[in-house]
Amino acid sequence: MSEEKPIPNSAKFAIGGLSGMGATVFVQPLDLIKNRMQLSGQKTSTFTVVSNIIKNEGFFAFYNGLSAGLLRQATYTTTRLGIYNWLFERASKDGQPVFVVKAALGMIAGGFGAFVGTPAEVTLIRMTADGRLPLAQRRNYKNVFDALFRIIKEEGLLTLWRGAIPTVGRAMVVNAAQLASYSQAKQILLDTGYFKENITLHFSSSMISGIITTIASMPVDIAKTRIQNMKTINGKPEYTGALDVLGKVIRNEGPLALWKGFFPYYARLGPHTVLTFIFLEQMNKAYKTYFS
């Protein structure tokens, strides 16, 4: 029997990006709801946001910005997984790295991935937020490529990296929190004796991890969202940076506003993680079956 060939790095990167894109198709509406709530600037609820979208824009509006969401996964997830695998292989030359090292590698990979994915992130925020604006103020991007070209033409190339610092910071927080909490939750559930190494364990662990990751990363995420969606009025931007956003949110809307959109954010984060790994495993299996 011939020896099974390992999956080459190029295929691993492609599979990683495709798995994230597949998951995004299912969770895009939750991303849109979360962004609308974070940008509302006033107290609101998930039910109110959902009702207004259906009433004013129609059901299919939940998928506004899908092309941007797919490009974000094609850039961010591919880069993040690619760099992490490369760093992990180098760190494993002298044996399996300890958990703290794995977490650090995840933070580094997440930071690089977020920087590469920021242009798609900016277009995603704007496209999902457009429907909440009056008709005269909407940007009306046709798709992610139209958004990219128009932003460069109308606002300059560097605008595509607006909010890059909080985006990178969020990615590093998310990766560190996910790695630590997912590993710990998985071990605790296994120790109960009620779980085995299967998809039920992975699903439960990722949902617990999602709660912790959501709590840790939402303040950074809301700063990122508002900076990337802000407009320049009379030559002056709405915010000077992430700390300015956080200060104004706390002052004008209250401290709990930093976790506005918690439930759709959490509902997106947990399933997206689960679906990404399901697609990842299935595509790895298919590659080995048909190409190895």
Protein backbone atom coordinates (compact mmCIF):
# COMPACT_ATOMS: atom_id res chain seq x y z
CA MET A 1 0.00 0.00 0.00
CA SER A 2 1.41 3.41 -0.99
CA GLU A 3 2.26 5.87 1.76
CA GLU A 4 -0.17 8.78 2.14
CA LYS A 5 1.43 12.05 1.07
CA PRO A 6 1.13 15.03 3.45
CA ILE A 7 -0.99 17.97 2.34
CA PRO A 8 1.34 20.69 0.95
CA ASN A 9 1.33 24.10 2.62
CA SER A 10 -0.21 25.80 -0.42
CA ALA A 11 -3.20 23.44 -0.24
CA LYS A 12 -3.46 23.96 3.54
CA PHE A 13 -3.65 27.74 3.03
CA ALA A 14 -6.34 27.37 0.35
CA ILE A 15 -8.37 24.92 2.42
CA GLY A 16 -8.14 27.20 5.45
CA GLY A 17 -9.43 30.19 3.48
CA LEU A 18 -12.22 28.18 1.83
CA SER A 19 -13.35 26.77 5.18
CA GLY A 20 -13.68 30.28 6.59
CA MET A 21 -15.56 31.43 3.49
CA GLY A 22 -17.96 28.49 3.78
CA ALA A 23 -18.71 29.37 7.40
CA THR A 24 -19.26 33.04 6.51
CA VAL A 25 -22.10 32.15 4.14
CA PHE A 26 -24.04 30.92 7.17
CA VAL A 27 -23.17 33.62 9.72
CA GLN A 28 -23.18 36.77 7.54
CA PRO A 29 -26.61 37.92 8.83
CA LEU A 30 -25.29 37.83 12.41
CA ASP A 31 -22.29 39.93 11.41
CA LEU A 32 -24.60 42.51 9.86
CA ILE A 33 -26.83 42.66 12.96
CA LYS A 34 -23.81 43.03 15.24
CA ASN A 35 -22.38 45.88 13.16
CA ARG A 36 -25.72 47.71 13.05
CA MET A 37 -26.04 47.51 16.83
CA GLN A 38 -22.51 48.75 17.43
CA LEU A 39 -23.05 51.71 15.12
CA SER A 40 -26.49 52.70 16.43
CA GLY A 41 -25.16 55.19 19.00
CA GLN A 42 -28.19 54.56 21.23
CA LYS A 43 -29.78 51.82 23.29
CA THR A 44 -31.30 49.15 21.09
CA SER A 45 -31.98 45.42 21.01
CA THR A 46 -31.35 42.57 18.61
CA PHE A 47 -35.12 42.22 18.05
CA THR A 48 -35.48 45.92 17.17
CA VAL A 49 -32.59 45.82 14.70
CA VAL A 50 -33.85 42.63 13.04
CA SER A 51 -37.41 43.99 12.81
CA ASN A 52 -36.26 47.27 11.26
CA ILE A 53 -34.12 45.48 8.68
CA ILE A 54 -36.97 43.20 7.59
CA LYS A 55 -39.47 46.08 7.55
CA ASN A 56 -37.35 48.68 5.77
CA GLU A 57 -34.93 46.66 3.62
CA GLY A 58 -36.32 43.15 3.22
CA PHE A 59 -35.03 39.74 4.25
CA PHE A 60 -32.20 39.57 1.72
CA ALA A 61 -30.66 42.71 3.24
CA PHE A 62 -29.20 40.41 5.90
CA TYR A 63 -26.71 39.33 3.25
CA ASN A 64 -25.58 42.84 2.32
CA GLY A 65 -21.78 42.84 2.30
CA LEU A 66 -21.46 39.09 1.73
CA SER A 67 -18.83 39.61 -0.97
CA ALA A 68 -16.77 41.64 1.51
CA GLY A 69 -17.20 38.95 4.16
CA LEU A 70 -15.95 36.30 1.73
CA LEU A 71 -12.94 38.41 0.73
CA ARG A 72 -12.14 38.97 4.40
CA GLN A 73 -11.96 35.22 4.97
CA ALA A 74 -9.95 34.72 1.76
CA THR A 75 -7.35 37.20 3.06
CA TYR A 76 -7.48 37.09 6.86
CA THR A 77 -8.11 33.37 7.46
CA THR A 78 -5.74 32.19 4.73
CA THR A 79 -2.92 34.42 6.04
CA ARG A 80 -3.59 33.62 9.69
CA LEU A 81 -3.63 29.85 9.24
CA GLY A 82 -0.69 29.92 6.85
CA ILE A 83 1.56 31.91 9.17
CA TYR A 84 0.46 29.92 12.22
CA ASN A 85 1.27 26.58 10.53
CA TRP A 86 4.65 27.89 9.38
CA LEU A 87 5.55 29.23 12.83
CA PHE A 88 4.26 26.08 14.53
CA GLU A 89 6.42 23.84 12.35
CA ARG A 90 9.52 25.90 13.16
CA ALA A 91 8.69 25.88 16.88
CA SER A 92 8.16 22.10 16.83
CA LYS A 93 11.67 21.17 15.63
CA ASP A 94 12.79 20.34 19.17
CA GLY A 95 9.49 18.85 20.31
CA GLN A 96 5.89 19.93 20.89
CA PRO A 97 5.78 23.60 22.05
CA VAL A 98 4.14 24.41 25.38
CA PHE A 99 0.69 25.99 25.43
CA VAL A 100 1.94 29.51 26.16
CA VAL A 101 4.11 29.32 23.02
CA LYS A 102 1.11 28.13 20.98
CA ALA A 103 -0.94 31.06 22.27
CA ALA A 104 1.86 33.49 21.40
CA LEU A 105 2.11 32.04 17.89
CA GLY A 106 -1.64 32.42 17.52
CA MET A 107 -1.44 36.09 18.54
CA ILE A 108 1.34 36.78 16.04
CA ALA A 109 -0.47 34.97 13.22
CA GLY A 110 -3.74 36.71 14.07
CA GLY A 111 -2.07 40.11 14.01
CA PHE A 112 -0.52 39.58 10.57
CA GLY A 113 -3.74 38.10 9.22
CA ALA A 114 -5.78 41.03 10.50
CA PHE A 115 -3.45 43.57 8.86
CA VAL A 116 -3.76 41.81 5.50
CA GLY A 117 -7.52 41.51 5.92
CA THR A 118 -8.19 45.11 7.03
CA PRO A 119 -9.18 46.43 3.55
CA ALA A 120 -11.86 43.73 3.27
CA GLU A 121 -12.88 44.48 6.88
CA VAL A 122 -13.38 48.18 6.08
CA THR A 123 -15.59 47.37 3.09
CA LEU A 124 -17.53 44.81 5.16
CA ILE A 125 -18.29 47.33 7.91
CA ARG A 126 -19.43 49.95 5.42
CA MET A 127 -21.54 47.61 3.30
CA THR A 128 -23.33 46.08 6.29
CA ALA A 129 -23.94 49.54 7.79
CA ASP A 130 -25.21 51.26 4.63
CA GLY A 131 -28.87 50.28 4.98
CA ARG A 132 -29.26 52.08 8.31
CA LEU A 133 -28.43 55.46 6.73
CA PRO A 134 -30.86 57.86 4.98
CA LEU A 135 -30.93 57.30 1.19
CA ALA A 136 -28.97 60.50 0.52
CA GLN A 137 -26.11 59.41 2.79
CA ARG A 138 -25.69 55.82 1.61
CA ARG A 139 -22.51 54.81 -0.20
CA ASN A 140 -24.34 52.19 -2.30
CA TYR A 141 -21.33 50.01 -3.08
CA LYS A 142 -22.26 47.40 -5.70
CA ASN A 143 -19.87 44.76 -4.36
CA VAL A 144 -16.57 44.48 -2.50
CA PHE A 145 -14.47 45.34 -5.56
CA ASP A 146 -16.56 48.41 -6.33
CA ALA A 147 -16.10 49.42 -2.68
CA LEU A 148 -12.32 48.97 -2.81
CA PHE A 149 -11.92 50.97 -6.03
CA ARG A 150 -14.22 53.77 -4.87
CA ILE A 151 -12.52 54.08 -1.48
CA ILE A 152 -9.12 54.37 -3.16
CA LYS A 153 -10.45 56.91 -5.70
CA GLU A 154 -12.53 59.02 -3.30
CA GLU A 155 -10.61 58.77 -0.02
CA GLY A 156 -7.11 57.49 -0.82
CA LEU A 157 -5.35 54.14 -0.58
CA LEU A 158 -4.50 54.41 3.12
CA THR A 159 -8.22 54.59 3.99
CA LEU A 160 -8.34 50.85 3.32
CA TRP A 161 -6.24 50.41 6.46
CA ARG A 162 -8.32 52.77 8.60
CA GLY A 163 -8.72 51.16 12.00
CA ALA A 164 -5.84 48.75 11.33
CA ILE A 165 -4.44 49.14 14.86
CA PRO A 166 -7.66 48.18 16.71
CA THR A 167 -8.32 45.50 14.06
CA VAL A 168 -4.92 43.92 14.71
CA GLY A 169 -5.40 44.33 18.46
CA ARG A 170 -8.78 42.64 18.30
CA ALA A 171 -7.38 39.75 16.27
CA MET A 172 -4.57 39.20 18.76
CA VAL A 173 -7.03 39.27 21.69
CA VAL A 174 -9.42 36.90 19.87
CA ASN A 175 -6.69 34.41 18.97
CA ALA A 176 -5.19 34.38 22.46
CA ALA A 177 -8.58 34.09 24.18
CA GLN A 178 -9.83 31.39 21.82
CA LEU A 179 -6.71 29.23 22.13
CA ALA A 180 -6.59 29.38 25.93
CA SER A 181 -10.31 29.08 26.67
CA TYR A 182 -11.03 26.45 24.00
CA SER A 183 -8.22 24.22 25.26
CA GLN A 184 -9.29 24.62 28.91
CA ALA A 185 -12.99 24.08 28.18
CA LYS A 186 -12.23 20.98 26.15
CA GLN A 187 -10.13 19.48 28.95
CA ILE A 188 -12.76 20.23 31.62
CA LEU A 189 -15.53 18.65 29.53
CA LEU A 190 -13.41 15.57 28.86
CA ASP A 191 -12.69 15.22 32.58
CA THR A 192 -16.43 15.05 33.33
CA GLY A 193 -16.56 11.69 31.56
CA TYR A 194 -19.66 12.69 29.58
CA PHE A 195 -17.76 13.78 26.45
CA LYS A 196 -15.51 12.02 23.97
CA GLU A 197 -13.22 13.38 21.24
CA ASN A 198 -15.90 14.10 18.64
CA ILE A 199 -17.88 16.92 17.04
CA THR A 200 -20.13 17.31 20.12
CA LEU A 201 -17.08 18.06 22.26
CA HIS A 202 -15.70 20.49 19.66
CA PHE A 203 -19.04 22.27 19.37
CA SER A 204 -19.52 22.63 23.14
CA SER A 205 -15.94 23.76 23.74
CA SER A 206 -16.08 26.36 20.97
CA MET A 207 -19.34 27.82 22.27
CA ILE A 208 -17.86 28.20 25.79
CA SER A 209 -14.75 29.70 24.22
CA GLY A 210 -16.97 32.05 22.25
CA ILE A 211 -18.46 33.57 25.42
CA ILE A 212 -15.04 34.30 26.92
CA THR A 213 -13.62 35.56 23.63
CA THR A 214 -16.66 37.80 23.07
CA ILE A 215 -16.35 39.42 26.51
CA ALA A 216 -12.62 40.02 26.01
CA SER A 217 -12.72 41.32 22.44
CA MET A 218 -15.95 43.33 22.08
CA PRO A 219 -14.63 46.70 23.38
CA VAL A 220 -11.81 46.53 20.83
CA ASP A 221 -14.26 45.39 18.16
CA ILE A 222 -16.68 48.27 18.71
CA ALA A 223 -13.79 50.76 18.48
CA LYS A 224 -12.66 49.13 15.23
CA THR A 225 -16.18 49.14 13.79
CA ARG A 226 -16.84 52.82 14.47
CA ILE A 227 -13.44 53.98 13.22
CA GLN A 228 -13.81 52.04 9.97
CA ASN A 229 -17.31 53.40 9.35
CA MET A 230 -16.63 57.03 10.39
CA LYS A 231 -16.89 59.93 7.99
CA THR A 232 -14.76 63.05 7.78
CA ILE A 233 -16.85 66.17 8.38
CA ASN A 234 -15.35 69.51 7.30
CA GLY A 235 -11.94 67.90 7.15
CA LYS A 236 -12.20 66.54 10.70
CA PRO A 237 -12.68 62.82 11.42
CA GLU A 238 -15.32 61.77 13.95
CA TYR A 239 -12.74 59.98 16.11
CA THR A 240 -9.02 60.43 16.66
CA GLY A 241 -8.40 56.81 17.58
CA ALA A 242 -9.58 53.75 19.50
CA LEU A 243 -9.25 55.40 22.94
CA ASP A 244 -11.32 58.36 21.73
CA VAL A 245 -14.06 55.97 20.58
CA LEU A 246 -14.09 54.08 23.88
CA GLY A 247 -14.14 57.32 25.88
CA LYS A 248 -17.05 58.78 23.90
CA VAL A 249 -19.03 55.51 24.02
CA ILE A 250 -18.66 55.28 27.82
CA ARG A 251 -19.47 58.97 28.29
CA ASN A 252 -22.45 59.16 25.92
CA GLU A 253 -23.92 55.65 26.03
CA GLY A 254 -22.66 54.09 29.26
CA PRO A 255 -20.02 51.41 29.98
CA LEU A 256 -22.28 48.50 28.98
CA ALA A 257 -22.47 49.95 25.45
CA LEU A 258 -18.97 48.51 24.94
CA TRP A 259 -20.71 45.12 24.75
CA LYS A 260 -23.56 46.29 22.52
CA GLY A 261 -24.47 43.53 20.07
CA PHE A 262 -23.14 40.86 22.46
CA PHE A 263 -25.61 38.13 21.52
CA PRO A 264 -25.32 38.39 17.70
CA TYR A 265 -21.53 38.72 18.11
CA TYR A 266 -21.41 35.61 20.26
CA ALA A 267 -23.93 33.79 18.05
CA ARG A 268 -21.65 34.51 15.09
CA LEU A 269 -18.34 33.70 16.77
CA GLY A 270 -19.29 30.26 18.12
CA PRO A 271 -20.95 28.79 15.00
CA HIS A 272 -18.33 30.34 12.72
CA THR A 273 -15.58 28.56 14.63
CA VAL A 274 -17.47 25.25 14.58
CA LEU A 275 -18.41 25.50 10.89
CA THR A 276 -14.89 26.55 9.91
CA PHE A 277 -13.42 23.43 11.50
CA ILE A 278 -16.13 21.18 10.06
CA PHE A 279 -15.41 22.46 6.54
CA LEU A 280 -11.68 22.30 7.23
CA GLU A 281 -11.79 18.63 8.25
CA GLN A 282 -14.04 17.64 5.35
CA MET A 283 -11.88 19.39 2.76
CA ASN A 284 -8.72 17.88 4.23
CA LYS A 285 -10.37 14.46 4.01
CA ALA A 286 -11.45 15.08 0.40
CA TYR A 287 -7.95 16.25 -0.59
CA LYS A 288 -6.37 13.12 0.85
CA THR A 289 -8.95 10.95 -0.92
CA TYR A 290 -8.68 12.47 -4.37
CA PHE A 291 -5.21 14.05 -4.59
CA SER A 292 -2.84 12.20 -2.20
